[in-house]
């Protein structure tokens, strides 16, 4: 598929897809005329990138974890990275959950 179709199917701008390419997160094939062509698997890959970015992972961290996504196997260093990101996210979720409960308490005691 061409870059515009990938953008449409993933909700990501063409500019963002080019950025992913610059960061070597996404590597399209090229036609003889130089146009980018992406395989079907690129749709899910870009969706994963969006989730990781939304969770606060950097492109550098995502790049380190790509081999895990591609092979289904991880090195000790990659597992440490994954565990660190998981723990960071769990802490953030816990913090946000506490804030949510505080807001709910305020809502129930606030006059209408």
N, C-alpha and C. Protein backbone atom coordinates (compact mmCIF):
# COMPACT_ATOMS: atom_id res chain seq x y z
N UNK A 1 0.84 -1.18 0.00
CA UNK A 1 0.00 0.00 0.00
C UNK A 1 0.88 1.24 0.00
N UNK A 2 0.37 2.30 -0.52
CA UNK A 2 1.09 3.57 -0.58
C UNK A 2 0.98 4.30 0.76
N UNK A 3 1.80 5.32 0.93
CA UNK A 3 1.88 6.04 2.20
C UNK A 3 0.55 6.70 2.57
N UNK A 4 -0.18 7.23 1.59
CA UNK A 4 -1.46 7.85 1.88
C UNK A 4 -2.49 6.88 2.41
N UNK A 5 -2.50 5.68 1.86
CA UNK A 5 -3.43 4.66 2.34
C UNK A 5 -3.07 4.22 3.76
N UNK A 6 -1.77 4.06 4.02
CA UNK A 6 -1.34 3.69 5.37
C UNK A 6 -1.74 4.78 6.36
N UNK A 7 -1.58 6.03 5.97
CA UNK A 7 -1.98 7.15 6.82
C UNK A 7 -3.48 7.09 7.10
N UNK A 8 -4.27 6.87 6.08
CA UNK A 8 -5.73 6.79 6.24
C UNK A 8 -6.14 5.63 7.16
N UNK A 9 -5.53 4.50 6.97
CA UNK A 9 -5.92 3.30 7.72
C UNK A 9 -5.48 3.34 9.18
N UNK A 10 -4.46 4.14 9.48
CA UNK A 10 -3.95 4.17 10.85
C UNK A 10 -4.29 5.46 11.59
N UNK A 11 -4.79 6.46 10.87
CA UNK A 11 -5.09 7.74 11.50
C UNK A 11 -3.84 8.54 11.82
N UNK A 12 -2.75 8.22 11.17
CA UNK A 12 -1.47 8.90 11.38
C UNK A 12 -1.19 9.74 10.14
N UNK A 13 -0.64 10.90 10.33
CA UNK A 13 -0.34 11.76 9.18
C UNK A 13 0.81 11.18 8.35
N UNK A 14 0.83 11.58 7.10
CA UNK A 14 1.94 11.19 6.22
C UNK A 14 3.25 11.69 6.81
N UNK A 15 3.22 12.87 7.37
CA UNK A 15 4.43 13.43 8.00
C UNK A 15 4.93 12.53 9.13
N UNK A 16 4.01 12.02 9.95
CA UNK A 16 4.39 11.13 11.04
C UNK A 16 4.99 9.83 10.49
N UNK A 17 4.42 9.32 9.43
CA UNK A 17 4.96 8.09 8.83
C UNK A 17 6.37 8.33 8.31
N UNK A 18 6.60 9.48 7.73
CA UNK A 18 7.96 9.81 7.27
C UNK A 18 8.92 9.93 8.46
N UNK A 19 8.42 10.48 9.57
CA UNK A 19 9.24 10.55 10.78
C UNK A 19 9.59 9.14 11.26
N UNK A 20 8.61 8.23 11.27
CA UNK A 20 8.88 6.85 11.68
C UNK A 20 9.96 6.25 10.78
N UNK A 21 9.89 6.58 9.53
CA UNK A 21 10.90 6.10 8.58
C UNK A 21 12.27 6.69 8.91
N UNK A 22 12.33 7.97 9.19
CA UNK A 22 13.60 8.62 9.56
C UNK A 22 14.21 7.98 10.81
N UNK A 23 13.35 7.59 11.74
CA UNK A 23 13.80 6.97 12.98
C UNK A 23 14.08 5.47 12.81
N UNK A 24 13.89 4.99 11.59
CA UNK A 24 14.10 3.58 11.24
C UNK A 24 13.14 2.65 11.99
N UNK A 25 11.97 3.16 12.30
CA UNK A 25 10.94 2.34 12.91
C UNK A 25 10.10 1.64 11.86
N UNK A 26 10.04 2.23 10.70
CA UNK A 26 9.24 1.74 9.60
C UNK A 26 10.11 1.80 8.34
N UNK A 27 10.23 0.68 7.66
CA UNK A 27 11.09 0.64 6.47
C UNK A 27 10.26 0.16 5.28
N UNK A 28 9.81 1.09 4.45
CA UNK A 28 9.03 0.69 3.28
C UNK A 28 9.92 0.20 2.16
N UNK A 29 9.32 -0.54 1.26
CA UNK A 29 10.02 -0.86 0.02
C UNK A 29 9.80 0.33 -0.90
N UNK A 30 10.57 0.39 -1.95
CA UNK A 30 10.43 1.48 -2.92
C UNK A 30 10.14 0.89 -4.30
N UNK A 31 9.26 1.56 -5.02
CA UNK A 31 9.02 1.16 -6.41
C UNK A 31 10.17 1.67 -7.26
N UNK A 32 10.18 1.30 -8.52
CA UNK A 32 11.23 1.76 -9.43
C UNK A 32 11.24 3.29 -9.53
N UNK A 33 10.06 3.89 -9.34
CA UNK A 33 9.98 5.35 -9.41
C UNK A 33 10.23 6.01 -8.05
N UNK A 34 10.54 5.21 -7.03
CA UNK A 34 10.89 5.76 -5.72
C UNK A 34 9.73 5.92 -4.76
N UNK A 35 8.54 5.52 -5.14
CA UNK A 35 7.40 5.65 -4.23
C UNK A 35 7.47 4.60 -3.13
N UNK A 36 7.04 5.00 -1.93
CA UNK A 36 7.02 4.08 -0.80
C UNK A 36 5.89 3.08 -0.96
N UNK A 37 6.19 1.83 -0.61
CA UNK A 37 5.17 0.78 -0.62
C UNK A 37 5.31 0.02 0.70
N UNK A 38 4.20 -0.05 1.43
CA UNK A 38 4.21 -0.69 2.75
C UNK A 38 3.45 -2.01 2.70
N UNK A 39 3.92 -3.00 3.43
CA UNK A 39 3.19 -4.27 3.50
C UNK A 39 1.97 -4.11 4.42
N UNK A 40 1.05 -5.03 4.36
CA UNK A 40 -0.15 -5.01 5.20
C UNK A 40 0.21 -4.95 6.69
N UNK A 41 1.30 -5.61 7.09
CA UNK A 41 1.71 -5.65 8.50
C UNK A 41 2.04 -4.26 9.05
N UNK A 42 2.32 -3.32 8.17
CA UNK A 42 2.68 -1.96 8.62
C UNK A 42 1.52 -1.30 9.36
N UNK A 43 0.29 -1.68 9.05
CA UNK A 43 -0.87 -1.08 9.71
C UNK A 43 -0.81 -1.38 11.21
N UNK A 44 -0.65 -2.63 11.57
CA UNK A 44 -0.59 -2.99 12.99
C UNK A 44 0.65 -2.41 13.65
N UNK A 45 1.74 -2.40 12.94
CA UNK A 45 2.99 -1.85 13.49
C UNK A 45 2.82 -0.37 13.85
N UNK A 46 2.22 0.39 12.97
CA UNK A 46 2.00 1.82 13.22
C UNK A 46 1.03 2.00 14.39
N UNK A 47 0.03 1.16 14.48
CA UNK A 47 -0.91 1.24 15.62
C UNK A 47 -0.18 0.99 16.94
N UNK A 48 0.74 0.06 16.93
CA UNK A 48 1.54 -0.21 18.13
C UNK A 48 2.40 1.01 18.46
N UNK A 49 3.01 1.62 17.44
CA UNK A 49 3.82 2.82 17.68
C UNK A 49 2.96 3.89 18.34
N UNK A 50 1.76 4.09 17.84
CA UNK A 50 0.87 5.11 18.41
C UNK A 50 0.58 4.83 19.88
N UNK A 51 0.34 3.57 20.19
CA UNK A 51 0.08 3.20 21.59
C UNK A 51 1.31 3.47 22.45
N UNK A 52 2.47 3.09 21.95
CA UNK A 52 3.70 3.30 22.71
C UNK A 52 4.00 4.79 22.90
N UNK A 53 3.81 5.58 21.84
CA UNK A 53 4.03 7.02 21.97
C UNK A 53 3.04 7.62 22.98
N UNK A 54 1.78 7.20 22.89
CA UNK A 54 0.77 7.71 23.82
C UNK A 54 1.11 7.35 25.26
N UNK A 55 1.79 6.22 25.45
CA UNK A 55 2.18 5.77 26.78
C UNK A 55 3.47 6.43 27.25
N UNK A 56 4.07 7.25 26.39
CA UNK A 56 5.26 7.99 26.79
C UNK A 56 6.59 7.37 26.38
N UNK A 57 6.57 6.31 25.58
CA UNK A 57 7.83 5.74 25.11
C UNK A 57 8.41 6.63 24.02
N UNK A 58 9.72 6.75 24.01
CA UNK A 58 10.39 7.55 22.99
C UNK A 58 10.64 6.70 21.74
N UNK A 59 10.93 7.36 20.63
CA UNK A 59 11.24 6.62 19.41
C UNK A 59 12.52 5.80 19.60
N UNK A 60 13.44 6.29 20.41
CA UNK A 60 14.67 5.55 20.69
C UNK A 60 14.35 4.23 21.42
N UNK A 61 13.47 4.31 22.40
CA UNK A 61 13.08 3.10 23.14
C UNK A 61 12.33 2.14 22.24
N UNK A 62 11.41 2.67 21.44
CA UNK A 62 10.67 1.81 20.52
C UNK A 62 11.62 1.12 19.56
N UNK A 63 12.60 1.84 19.05
CA UNK A 63 13.58 1.25 18.12
C UNK A 63 14.34 0.11 18.78
N UNK A 64 14.65 0.25 20.06
CA UNK A 64 15.36 -0.83 20.77
C UNK A 64 14.49 -2.07 20.91
N UNK A 65 13.19 -1.88 20.93
CA UNK A 65 12.27 -2.99 21.15
C UNK A 65 11.76 -3.62 19.86
N UNK A 66 12.03 -3.00 18.72
CA UNK A 66 11.56 -3.53 17.45
C UNK A 66 11.96 -4.98 17.19
N UNK A 67 13.21 -5.35 17.48
CA UNK A 67 13.56 -6.76 17.23
C UNK A 67 12.66 -7.73 17.99
N UNK A 68 12.20 -7.36 19.17
CA UNK A 68 11.27 -8.22 19.93
C UNK A 68 9.97 -8.38 19.16
N UNK A 69 9.50 -7.28 18.58
CA UNK A 69 8.25 -7.32 17.82
C UNK A 69 8.42 -8.18 16.57
N UNK A 70 9.57 -8.08 15.95
CA UNK A 70 9.80 -8.79 14.69
C UNK A 70 10.04 -10.27 14.88
N UNK A 71 10.75 -10.64 15.94
CA UNK A 71 11.14 -12.05 16.10
C UNK A 71 10.33 -12.79 17.16
N UNK A 72 9.71 -12.04 18.06
CA UNK A 72 9.00 -12.69 19.16
C UNK A 72 9.92 -13.13 20.28
N UNK A 73 11.18 -12.75 20.18
CA UNK A 73 12.18 -13.09 21.20
C UNK A 73 12.83 -11.81 21.69
N UNK A 74 13.33 -11.86 22.92
CA UNK A 74 13.99 -10.67 23.47
C UNK A 74 15.29 -11.06 24.15
N UNK A 75 16.20 -10.12 24.16
CA UNK A 75 17.45 -10.31 24.88
C UNK A 75 17.24 -9.89 26.33
N UNK A 76 18.21 -10.15 27.14
CA UNK A 76 18.13 -9.74 28.55
C UNK A 76 18.00 -8.23 28.65
N UNK A 77 18.76 -7.50 27.85
CA UNK A 77 18.70 -6.04 27.87
C UNK A 77 17.32 -5.54 27.43
N UNK A 78 16.75 -6.17 26.42
CA UNK A 78 15.42 -5.78 25.96
C UNK A 78 14.37 -6.07 27.02
N UNK A 79 14.48 -7.21 27.68
CA UNK A 79 13.53 -7.54 28.76
C UNK A 79 13.63 -6.52 29.88
N UNK A 80 14.86 -6.12 30.22
CA UNK A 80 15.04 -5.09 31.25
C UNK A 80 14.35 -3.79 30.83
N UNK A 81 14.51 -3.43 29.57
CA UNK A 81 13.86 -2.23 29.04
C UNK A 81 12.34 -2.37 29.11
N UNK A 82 11.84 -3.52 28.70
CA UNK A 82 10.40 -3.77 28.75
C UNK A 82 9.87 -3.71 30.18
N UNK A 83 10.59 -4.32 31.09
CA UNK A 83 10.18 -4.30 32.50
C UNK A 83 10.20 -2.89 33.06
N UNK A 84 11.21 -2.12 32.71
CA UNK A 84 11.29 -0.74 33.17
C UNK A 84 10.13 0.09 32.65
N UNK A 85 9.79 -0.07 31.39
CA UNK A 85 8.67 0.67 30.82
C UNK A 85 7.35 0.22 31.44
N UNK A 86 7.21 -1.09 31.66
CA UNK A 86 6.01 -1.59 32.30
C UNK A 86 5.84 -1.00 33.70
N UNK A 87 6.93 -0.98 34.47
CA UNK A 87 6.88 -0.44 35.83
C UNK A 87 6.57 1.06 35.82
N UNK A 88 7.14 1.78 34.86
CA UNK A 88 6.87 3.22 34.74
C UNK A 88 5.40 3.45 34.43
N UNK A 89 4.86 2.66 33.50
CA UNK A 89 3.45 2.81 33.14
C UNK A 89 2.54 2.42 34.31
N UNK A 90 2.88 1.35 35.02
CA UNK A 90 2.07 0.92 36.16
C UNK A 90 2.03 2.02 37.22
N UNK A 91 3.17 2.65 37.46
CA UNK A 91 3.22 3.74 38.44
C UNK A 91 2.35 4.91 37.97
N UNK A 92 2.45 5.23 36.70
CA UNK A 92 1.65 6.33 36.15
C UNK A 92 0.15 6.02 36.25
N UNK A 93 -0.22 4.79 35.93
CA UNK A 93 -1.62 4.37 36.04
C UNK A 93 -2.09 4.49 37.49
N UNK A 94 -1.26 4.07 38.42
CA UNK A 94 -1.60 4.16 39.83
C UNK A 94 -1.82 5.61 40.24
N UNK A 95 -0.92 6.48 39.82
CA UNK A 95 -1.04 7.91 40.13
C UNK A 95 -2.32 8.48 39.54
N UNK A 96 -2.61 8.15 38.29
CA UNK A 96 -3.82 8.64 37.64
C UNK A 96 -5.08 8.08 38.31
N UNK A 97 -5.04 6.84 38.75
CA UNK A 97 -6.18 6.22 39.43
C UNK A 97 -6.47 6.95 40.74
N UNK A 98 -5.42 7.27 41.48
CA UNK A 98 -5.60 8.03 42.73
C UNK A 98 -6.20 9.40 42.45
N UNK A 99 -5.74 10.06 41.41
CA UNK A 99 -6.28 11.37 41.05
C UNK A 99 -7.75 11.23 40.65
N UNK A 100 -8.09 10.19 39.93
CA UNK A 100 -9.47 9.95 39.53
C UNK A 100 -10.37 9.77 40.75
N UNK A 101 -9.91 9.00 41.71
CA UNK A 101 -10.69 8.78 42.94
C UNK A 101 -10.88 10.09 43.71
N UNK A 102 -9.86 10.91 43.76
CA UNK A 102 -9.98 12.21 44.44
C UNK A 102 -11.03 13.08 43.75
N UNK A 103 -10.99 13.09 42.41
CA UNK A 103 -11.99 13.86 41.67
C UNK A 103 -13.39 13.33 41.93
N UNK A 104 -13.53 12.03 41.96
CA UNK A 104 -14.85 11.44 42.24
C UNK A 104 -15.34 11.84 43.63
N UNK A 105 -14.43 11.89 44.59
CA UNK A 105 -14.82 12.32 45.93
C UNK A 105 -15.31 13.76 45.91
N UNK A 106 -14.59 14.60 45.20
CA UNK A 106 -15.00 16.01 45.11
C UNK A 106 -16.35 16.17 44.42
N UNK A 107 -16.57 15.37 43.41
CA UNK A 107 -17.84 15.45 42.68
C UNK A 107 -19.01 15.07 43.60
N UNK A 108 -18.82 14.06 44.43
CA UNK A 108 -19.91 13.62 45.30
C UNK A 108 -20.19 14.58 46.43
N UNK A 109 -19.20 15.39 46.85
CA UNK A 109 -19.44 16.34 47.93
C UNK A 109 -19.74 17.74 47.45
N UNK A 110 -19.53 18.00 46.19
CA UNK A 110 -19.77 19.34 45.63
C UNK A 110 -21.27 19.58 45.50
N UNK A 111 -21.72 20.77 45.91
CA UNK A 111 -23.15 21.08 45.77
C UNK A 111 -23.51 21.22 44.30
N UNK A 112 -24.76 20.90 44.01
CA UNK A 112 -25.23 20.99 42.61
C UNK A 112 -26.01 22.23 42.37
